[in-house]
């Protein structure tokens, strides 16, 4: 008979393993608990960490990122920027980033040969290789640099491309960011410190060989995918296989092969087929009432493609038009509302359902705590959602 794991148990695992019901001991533990932290929006990393340790967070996180370099910012699953511990970063690089690098290189070479401005590049493959090598040399000479500084050192980075030719939104853009993206996803360079505060989206670049002299551990791609699947299943399982495939960005064949190596057990998730690690069938004790204010793109909110079991009917006000979730209010393992920070620093929230007086009081305390932690910092999510926009406006 197929084992059954109900929604309450899935929510209990989420609460405990993602350090939402009980604080984590360190920022390193936070990143490992969710496999990797979303970092497309730089503020997400800090807010996701704060929600799970309830301490200062910023100092410890920046030390781990830029001094210890125990946490690495890299392009990974679904061509998205993540922050992960060195061990998980190595897995992501081999299991996801390497494939992305190949696809993006082919695409960039095609664009250089067909969409160059004012003229196409005659030999895109050779041109790109030469520019990459020259850019990496320039970066090594400087130690660290911004994209603008590198373009001054290597003028070919100012080569332009016509994007979306013939469309109403046609634009001409320098190839600079595309080359740096390629070098980063290939693991040759890495994002270092931000140019401004922790909410800045612009970073200095550094050679990976200088940033991490020992480098990332090299993995066979198939073995890395199997290990990454195992870690994801512990953190996010039990879950349908479609969730793992979506989260990693793998093909159906890659997902199937990784799971064949892991050999999970099939389970019934309230009528939906799923899988769980073979040694992870014992139930997790349900924690006492807990609440959390999670930022946009938080790894828990974005951990699954099938979200009904924790999102319910609240998708419309909480997501933007491209599937990115905004700031959310959680209670007892599910989303019950959203929140925003206003220009005066106040953290305001709105419930999307009746939650009861106990939850209302707990969320109010959490909102005040977060407002105090923000201090003079003002954060606007890069991905705005209907509810966040409405709440952010002063009534």
Protein backbone atom coordinates (compact mmCIF):
# COMPACT_ATOMS: atom_id res chain seq x y z
CA UNK A 1 0.00 0.00 0.00
CA UNK A 2 1.27 3.49 -0.89
CA UNK A 3 2.16 5.48 2.24
CA UNK A 4 0.12 8.64 2.82
CA UNK A 5 1.47 12.01 3.97
CA UNK A 6 -1.16 14.68 4.49
CA UNK A 7 -1.06 18.45 4.16
CA UNK A 8 -0.64 19.00 7.90
CA UNK A 9 2.52 16.93 7.88
CA UNK A 10 3.89 18.73 4.84
CA UNK A 11 3.30 22.05 6.59
CA UNK A 12 4.99 20.77 9.75
CA UNK A 13 8.08 19.77 7.79
CA UNK A 14 8.15 23.13 6.04
CA UNK A 15 7.95 24.95 9.37
CA UNK A 16 10.67 22.94 11.09
CA UNK A 17 13.11 22.32 8.26
CA UNK A 18 12.99 25.85 6.88
CA UNK A 19 13.56 27.32 10.35
CA UNK A 20 10.30 29.23 10.37
CA UNK A 21 8.90 27.74 13.59
CA UNK A 22 12.25 27.78 15.40
CA UNK A 23 15.22 30.07 14.64
CA UNK A 24 18.35 28.79 12.93
CA UNK A 25 21.70 28.95 14.68
CA UNK A 26 23.47 30.88 11.91
CA UNK A 27 23.16 32.33 8.44
CA UNK A 28 25.04 29.29 7.14
CA UNK A 29 22.33 27.05 8.61
CA UNK A 30 19.64 29.18 6.98
CA UNK A 31 21.13 28.81 3.49
CA UNK A 32 21.69 25.07 3.87
CA UNK A 33 18.18 24.50 5.26
CA UNK A 34 16.55 25.75 2.06
CA UNK A 35 19.40 24.47 -0.19
CA UNK A 36 19.92 27.98 -1.61
CA UNK A 37 18.54 31.45 -1.00
CA UNK A 38 16.93 33.41 -3.83
CA UNK A 39 19.09 36.43 -4.67
CA UNK A 40 17.59 37.99 -7.80
CA UNK A 41 16.43 40.77 -5.50
CA UNK A 42 19.37 41.50 -3.16
CA UNK A 43 17.08 42.42 -0.26
CA UNK A 44 15.49 38.96 -0.37
CA UNK A 45 18.66 37.29 0.89
CA UNK A 46 18.78 39.48 3.98
CA UNK A 47 15.06 39.40 4.71
CA UNK A 48 14.86 35.62 4.25
CA UNK A 49 17.76 35.26 6.66
CA UNK A 50 16.27 37.66 9.21
CA UNK A 51 12.98 35.76 9.21
CA UNK A 52 14.85 32.61 10.19
CA UNK A 53 17.33 33.83 12.79
CA UNK A 54 15.60 36.89 14.28
CA UNK A 55 18.95 38.52 14.99
CA UNK A 56 20.82 41.35 13.28
CA UNK A 57 21.55 39.17 10.28
CA UNK A 58 23.10 41.82 8.03
CA UNK A 59 26.54 41.83 9.64
CA UNK A 60 26.72 38.06 9.93
CA UNK A 61 25.46 37.52 6.40
CA UNK A 62 27.86 40.00 4.83
CA UNK A 63 30.73 38.44 6.76
CA UNK A 64 29.78 35.00 5.43
CA UNK A 65 29.47 36.36 1.89
CA UNK A 66 32.43 38.71 1.61
CA UNK A 67 34.93 37.85 4.35
CA UNK A 68 34.62 34.12 5.04
CA UNK A 69 33.24 33.56 1.53
CA UNK A 70 31.44 30.55 2.96
CA UNK A 71 28.32 31.62 1.06
CA UNK A 72 28.59 32.13 -2.70
CA UNK A 73 26.36 34.17 -4.99
CA UNK A 74 25.94 32.36 -8.31
CA UNK A 75 23.67 31.82 -11.28
CA UNK A 76 21.83 28.57 -10.84
CA UNK A 77 18.45 26.94 -11.13
CA UNK A 78 16.20 28.41 -13.84
CA UNK A 79 18.88 30.98 -14.75
CA UNK A 80 18.27 32.69 -11.41
CA UNK A 81 20.77 34.20 -8.97
CA UNK A 82 21.06 32.28 -5.69
CA UNK A 83 23.21 32.40 -2.57
CA UNK A 84 24.39 29.00 -1.35
CA UNK A 85 26.98 27.47 0.93
CA UNK A 86 30.13 26.28 -0.82
CA UNK A 87 29.05 22.63 -0.83
CA UNK A 88 25.65 23.37 -2.33
CA UNK A 89 27.12 25.97 -4.68
CA UNK A 90 29.38 23.30 -6.15
CA UNK A 91 26.37 21.03 -6.66
CA UNK A 92 24.37 23.81 -8.31
CA UNK A 93 27.27 24.68 -10.61
CA UNK A 94 27.62 21.11 -11.88
CA UNK A 95 23.94 20.14 -11.80
CA UNK A 96 22.38 23.30 -13.26
CA UNK A 97 24.74 26.15 -14.14
CA UNK A 98 26.90 24.19 -16.57
CA UNK A 99 23.91 23.37 -18.79
CA UNK A 100 22.69 26.95 -18.64
CA UNK A 101 26.15 28.15 -19.65
CA UNK A 102 26.13 26.02 -22.80
CA UNK A 103 22.69 27.23 -23.88
CA UNK A 104 23.41 30.89 -23.16
CA UNK A 105 26.72 30.75 -25.01
CA UNK A 106 25.03 29.42 -28.16
CA UNK A 107 22.36 32.10 -27.87
CA UNK A 108 24.85 34.92 -27.40
CA UNK A 109 26.94 33.76 -30.34
CA UNK A 110 23.79 33.72 -32.49
CA UNK A 111 22.89 37.24 -31.38
CA UNK A 112 26.39 38.52 -32.11
CA UNK A 113 26.26 37.05 -35.60
CA UNK A 114 22.74 38.21 -36.45
CA UNK A 115 21.86 41.18 -34.26
CA UNK A 116 25.07 43.16 -34.00
CA UNK A 117 24.93 46.96 -34.13
CA UNK A 118 25.99 48.79 -36.21
CA UNK A 119 27.10 45.52 -37.87
CA UNK A 120 27.20 41.82 -37.06
CA UNK A 121 30.29 40.13 -35.61
CA UNK A 122 31.88 38.04 -38.43
CA UNK A 123 33.17 35.17 -36.24
CA UNK A 124 31.04 35.24 -33.05
CA UNK A 125 32.54 32.14 -31.43
CA UNK A 126 36.12 33.37 -31.75
CA UNK A 127 35.17 36.96 -30.87
CA UNK A 128 33.37 35.91 -27.70
CA UNK A 129 36.22 33.67 -26.53
CA UNK A 130 38.75 36.46 -27.07
CA UNK A 131 36.63 39.04 -25.27
CA UNK A 132 35.99 36.70 -22.35
CA UNK A 133 39.68 36.02 -21.90
CA UNK A 134 40.54 39.72 -22.18
CA UNK A 135 37.82 40.65 -19.68
CA UNK A 136 39.04 38.06 -17.20
CA UNK A 137 42.61 39.35 -17.55
CA UNK A 138 41.43 42.91 -16.96
CA UNK A 139 39.52 41.80 -13.89
CA UNK A 140 42.52 39.96 -12.49
CA UNK A 141 44.66 43.07 -13.03
CA UNK A 142 42.22 45.20 -11.05
CA UNK A 143 41.40 42.59 -8.40
CA UNK A 144 37.75 43.64 -8.47
CA UNK A 145 35.81 45.90 -10.80
CA UNK A 146 32.44 47.12 -11.91
CA UNK A 147 30.98 46.37 -15.32
CA UNK A 148 31.68 49.95 -16.38
CA UNK A 149 35.33 49.73 -15.35
CA UNK A 150 35.78 46.51 -17.29
CA UNK A 151 34.27 48.10 -20.38
CA UNK A 152 36.88 50.83 -20.10
CA UNK A 153 39.64 48.20 -20.02
CA UNK A 154 38.15 46.05 -22.77
CA UNK A 155 36.38 48.31 -25.33
CA UNK A 156 34.84 45.35 -27.15
CA UNK A 157 32.45 45.03 -24.22
CA UNK A 158 30.77 48.11 -25.69
CA UNK A 159 29.73 46.06 -28.74
CA UNK A 160 25.99 46.55 -29.17
CA UNK A 161 23.12 44.20 -29.96
CA UNK A 162 19.68 44.99 -31.33
CA UNK A 163 17.23 43.32 -28.98
CA UNK A 164 13.67 42.40 -30.05
CA UNK A 165 14.28 43.75 -33.54
CA UNK A 166 11.12 44.95 -35.25
CA UNK A 167 9.06 44.85 -32.04
CA UNK A 168 7.52 47.93 -30.40
CA UNK A 169 9.98 47.46 -27.53
CA UNK A 170 13.08 47.11 -29.74
CA UNK A 171 16.19 48.31 -27.93
CA UNK A 172 19.94 48.58 -28.43
CA UNK A 173 22.08 47.30 -25.57
CA UNK A 174 25.77 46.82 -24.90
CA UNK A 175 26.99 43.22 -24.78
CA UNK A 176 28.80 43.97 -21.50
CA UNK A 177 26.28 42.42 -19.14
CA UNK A 178 25.83 39.37 -21.39
CA UNK A 179 29.57 38.62 -21.39
CA UNK A 180 29.80 39.01 -17.62
CA UNK A 181 26.75 36.76 -17.25
CA UNK A 182 28.52 34.14 -19.36
CA UNK A 183 31.74 34.35 -17.38
CA UNK A 184 29.76 34.06 -14.15
CA UNK A 185 27.64 31.07 -15.18
CA UNK A 186 30.82 29.37 -16.39
CA UNK A 187 32.23 29.84 -12.89
CA UNK A 188 35.13 32.06 -14.00
CA UNK A 189 34.05 35.22 -12.16
CA UNK A 190 31.85 35.90 -9.14
CA UNK A 191 29.74 38.74 -7.76
CA UNK A 192 31.55 40.36 -4.86
CA UNK A 193 30.47 43.19 -2.59
CA UNK A 194 27.59 45.45 -3.61
CA UNK A 195 28.47 48.94 -4.80
CA UNK A 196 26.20 50.44 -2.17
CA UNK A 197 24.34 49.09 0.84
CA UNK A 198 22.93 45.59 1.20
CA UNK A 199 19.87 46.54 -0.88
CA UNK A 200 22.01 47.51 -3.89
CA UNK A 201 21.61 45.37 -7.01
CA UNK A 202 24.98 46.39 -8.49
CA UNK A 203 28.04 44.42 -7.44
CA UNK A 204 31.76 44.47 -7.97
CA UNK A 205 33.04 41.46 -9.88
CA UNK A 206 36.03 39.35 -8.86
CA UNK A 207 37.89 36.44 -10.46
CA UNK A 208 36.65 33.16 -9.01
CA UNK A 209 40.25 31.99 -8.68
CA UNK A 210 41.00 34.96 -6.42
CA UNK A 211 37.69 34.91 -4.56
CA UNK A 212 37.96 31.19 -3.78
CA UNK A 213 41.57 30.09 -4.36
CA UNK A 214 40.61 26.50 -3.60
CA UNK A 215 37.71 26.74 -6.04
CA UNK A 216 34.41 24.91 -5.88
CA UNK A 217 34.46 21.15 -5.57
CA UNK A 218 34.16 19.55 -8.99
CA UNK A 219 31.28 17.11 -9.44
CA UNK A 220 30.24 14.75 -12.18
CA UNK A 221 27.00 16.24 -13.56
CA UNK A 222 24.85 13.14 -12.99
CA UNK A 223 26.17 12.65 -9.45
CA UNK A 224 25.62 16.34 -8.69
CA UNK A 225 22.03 16.18 -9.91
CA UNK A 226 21.36 13.12 -7.74
CA UNK A 227 22.81 14.81 -4.66
CA UNK A 228 20.95 18.05 -5.32
CA UNK A 229 17.72 16.09 -5.72
CA UNK A 230 18.39 14.36 -2.41
CA UNK A 231 18.96 17.66 -0.62
CA UNK A 232 15.86 19.21 -2.20
CA UNK A 233 13.69 16.25 -1.20
CA UNK A 234 14.80 16.53 2.40
CA UNK A 235 14.16 20.28 2.50
CA UNK A 236 11.01 20.43 0.36
CA UNK A 237 9.69 16.88 0.26
CA UNK A 238 7.52 14.99 0.12
CA UNK A 239 6.45 16.56 -3.16
CA UNK A 240 5.32 15.76 -6.70
CA UNK A 241 8.15 15.10 -9.13
CA UNK A 242 6.98 18.10 -11.18
CA UNK A 243 8.00 20.38 -8.30
CA UNK A 244 11.58 19.09 -8.34
CA UNK A 245 11.82 19.40 -12.10
CA UNK A 246 10.49 22.98 -12.00
CA UNK A 247 12.72 24.05 -9.11
CA UNK A 248 15.90 22.73 -10.74
CA UNK A 249 15.02 23.61 -14.32
CA UNK A 250 16.06 20.11 -15.44
CA UNK A 251 14.72 18.20 -18.39
CA UNK A 252 12.37 15.26 -17.81
CA UNK A 253 15.26 12.91 -18.59
CA UNK A 254 17.65 14.56 -16.14
CA UNK A 255 15.02 14.51 -13.40
CA UNK A 256 14.23 10.86 -14.00
CA UNK A 257 17.90 9.88 -13.93
CA UNK A 258 18.57 11.82 -10.74
CA UNK A 259 15.62 10.21 -8.97
CA UNK A 260 16.68 6.76 -10.17
CA UNK A 261 19.96 7.31 -8.33
CA UNK A 262 18.23 8.60 -5.19
CA UNK A 263 15.48 5.93 -5.22
CA UNK A 264 12.77 7.81 -3.28
CA UNK A 265 9.52 6.16 -2.22
CA UNK A 266 6.19 6.98 -3.83
CA UNK A 267 3.65 8.54 -1.47
CA UNK A 268 0.05 9.72 -1.60
CA UNK A 269 -0.18 13.45 -0.90
CA UNK A 270 -3.91 13.71 -0.24
CA UNK A 271 -4.69 12.18 -3.62
CA UNK A 272 -1.71 13.66 -5.46
CA UNK A 273 1.23 11.33 -6.25
CA UNK A 274 4.55 12.39 -4.80
CA UNK A 275 7.92 11.08 -3.65
CA UNK A 276 9.85 11.17 -0.39
CA UNK A 277 13.30 9.98 0.65
CA UNK A 278 13.22 6.33 1.65
CA UNK A 279 14.49 7.10 5.17
CA UNK A 280 12.20 10.10 5.70
CA UNK A 281 8.79 8.56 6.33
CA UNK A 282 8.65 9.22 10.07
CA UNK A 283 6.37 12.15 10.88
CA UNK A 284 7.74 15.47 12.09
CA UNK A 285 6.12 16.80 15.26
CA UNK A 286 3.82 19.71 14.52
CA UNK A 287 5.22 22.92 16.05
CA UNK A 288 3.22 25.33 18.13
CA UNK A 289 1.61 28.36 16.50
CA UNK A 290 4.14 30.35 14.49
CA UNK A 291 3.99 33.30 12.12
CA UNK A 292 6.48 34.76 9.66
CA UNK A 293 6.80 37.73 7.34
CA UNK A 294 8.66 36.43 4.30
CA UNK A 295 9.99 38.66 1.52
CA UNK A 296 9.27 38.51 -2.18
CA UNK A 297 10.87 35.48 -3.85
CA UNK A 298 11.56 33.82 -0.51
CA UNK A 299 12.82 30.24 -1.07
CA UNK A 300 9.93 28.77 0.91
CA UNK A 301 7.31 30.71 -1.04
CA UNK A 302 9.03 29.76 -4.32
CA UNK A 303 9.91 26.18 -3.39
CA UNK A 304 7.19 24.41 -5.36
CA UNK A 305 5.28 24.98 -8.59
CA UNK A 306 2.16 23.31 -7.15
CA UNK A 307 1.35 25.69 -4.30
CA UNK A 308 -2.30 25.11 -3.42
CA UNK A 309 -1.44 23.21 -0.23
CA UNK A 310 0.08 26.31 1.36
CA UNK A 311 -1.19 29.15 -0.85
CA UNK A 312 -4.87 28.31 -1.15
CA UNK A 313 -6.98 30.80 -3.15
CA UNK A 314 -4.62 33.76 -2.61
CA UNK A 315 -2.56 33.68 -5.82
CA UNK A 316 -4.00 36.75 -7.59
CA UNK A 317 -3.03 39.49 -5.08
CA UNK A 318 0.33 37.94 -4.18
CA UNK A 319 1.94 37.22 -7.57
CA UNK A 320 3.08 39.47 -10.38
CA UNK A 321 2.32 38.76 -14.03
CA UNK A 322 5.35 36.49 -14.54
CA UNK A 323 4.93 34.15 -11.57
CA UNK A 324 6.99 35.93 -8.93
CA UNK A 325 5.54 35.99 -5.43
CA UNK A 326 5.61 39.14 -3.31
CA UNK A 327 5.97 39.62 0.45
CA UNK A 328 3.77 37.16 2.34
CA UNK A 329 2.36 36.62 5.82
CA UNK A 330 2.54 33.02 7.00
CA UNK A 331 0.79 31.31 9.90
CA UNK A 332 0.95 27.63 10.78
CA UNK A 333 2.48 26.50 7.52
CA UNK A 334 0.39 28.43 5.01
CA UNK A 335 0.08 31.88 3.48
CA UNK A 336 -2.65 34.01 5.03
CA UNK A 337 -1.81 37.51 3.78
CA UNK A 338 0.77 39.96 2.53
CA UNK A 339 2.84 42.87 3.82
CA UNK A 340 4.77 45.92 2.64
CA UNK A 341 7.01 48.67 3.94
CA UNK A 342 5.80 52.24 3.48
CA UNK A 343 7.96 55.27 2.80
CA UNK A 344 7.95 56.27 6.49
CA UNK A 345 9.29 52.83 7.46
CA UNK A 346 6.05 51.40 8.81
CA UNK A 347 5.54 47.71 8.05
CA UNK A 348 1.88 47.14 7.24
CA UNK A 349 0.06 43.89 6.51
CA UNK A 350 -3.27 42.63 5.27
CA UNK A 351 -4.94 39.30 5.96
CA UNK A 352 -6.63 37.52 3.08
CA UNK A 353 -8.74 35.37 5.40
CA UNK A 354 -9.94 35.20 8.97
CA UNK A 355 -6.98 34.07 11.07
CA UNK A 356 -8.16 34.61 14.63
CA UNK A 357 -7.02 36.96 17.37
CA UNK A 358 -3.91 34.98 18.37
CA UNK A 359 -2.45 35.09 14.87
CA UNK A 360 -3.37 38.75 14.45
CA UNK A 361 -1.49 39.67 17.63
CA UNK A 362 1.53 37.55 16.70
CA UNK A 363 1.75 39.10 13.22
CA UNK A 364 1.48 42.60 14.69
CA UNK A 365 4.43 41.85 16.97
CA UNK A 366 6.41 40.46 14.04
CA UNK A 367 5.64 43.51 11.88
CA UNK A 368 6.81 45.88 14.61
CA UNK A 369 9.95 43.80 15.10
CA UNK A 370 10.71 43.96 11.37
CA UNK A 371 10.09 47.71 11.22
CA UNK A 372 12.56 48.19 14.06
CA UNK A 373 15.11 46.01 12.29
CA UNK A 374 14.76 48.02 9.06
CA UNK A 375 15.59 51.26 10.87
CA UNK A 376 16.28 53.89 8.21
CA UNK A 377 16.45 51.34 5.38
CA UNK A 378 13.61 51.38 2.85
CA UNK A 379 13.01 48.33 0.67
CA UNK A 380 10.87 48.13 -2.44
CA UNK A 381 10.71 44.67 -4.02
CA UNK A 382 12.00 44.49 -7.57
CA UNK A 383 8.96 42.38 -8.45
CA UNK A 384 5.88 44.38 -7.42
CA UNK A 385 2.59 42.57 -6.79
CA UNK A 386 -0.96 43.96 -6.54
CA UNK A 387 -1.26 43.65 -2.77
CA UNK A 388 2.24 44.95 -2.05
CA UNK A 389 1.66 48.01 -4.24
CA UNK A 390 -1.62 48.79 -2.53
CA UNK A 391 -0.22 48.35 0.98
CA UNK A 392 2.87 50.44 0.25
CA UNK A 393 0.74 53.45 -0.55
CA UNK A 394 -0.14 55.59 2.44
CA UNK A 395 -3.91 55.62 2.93
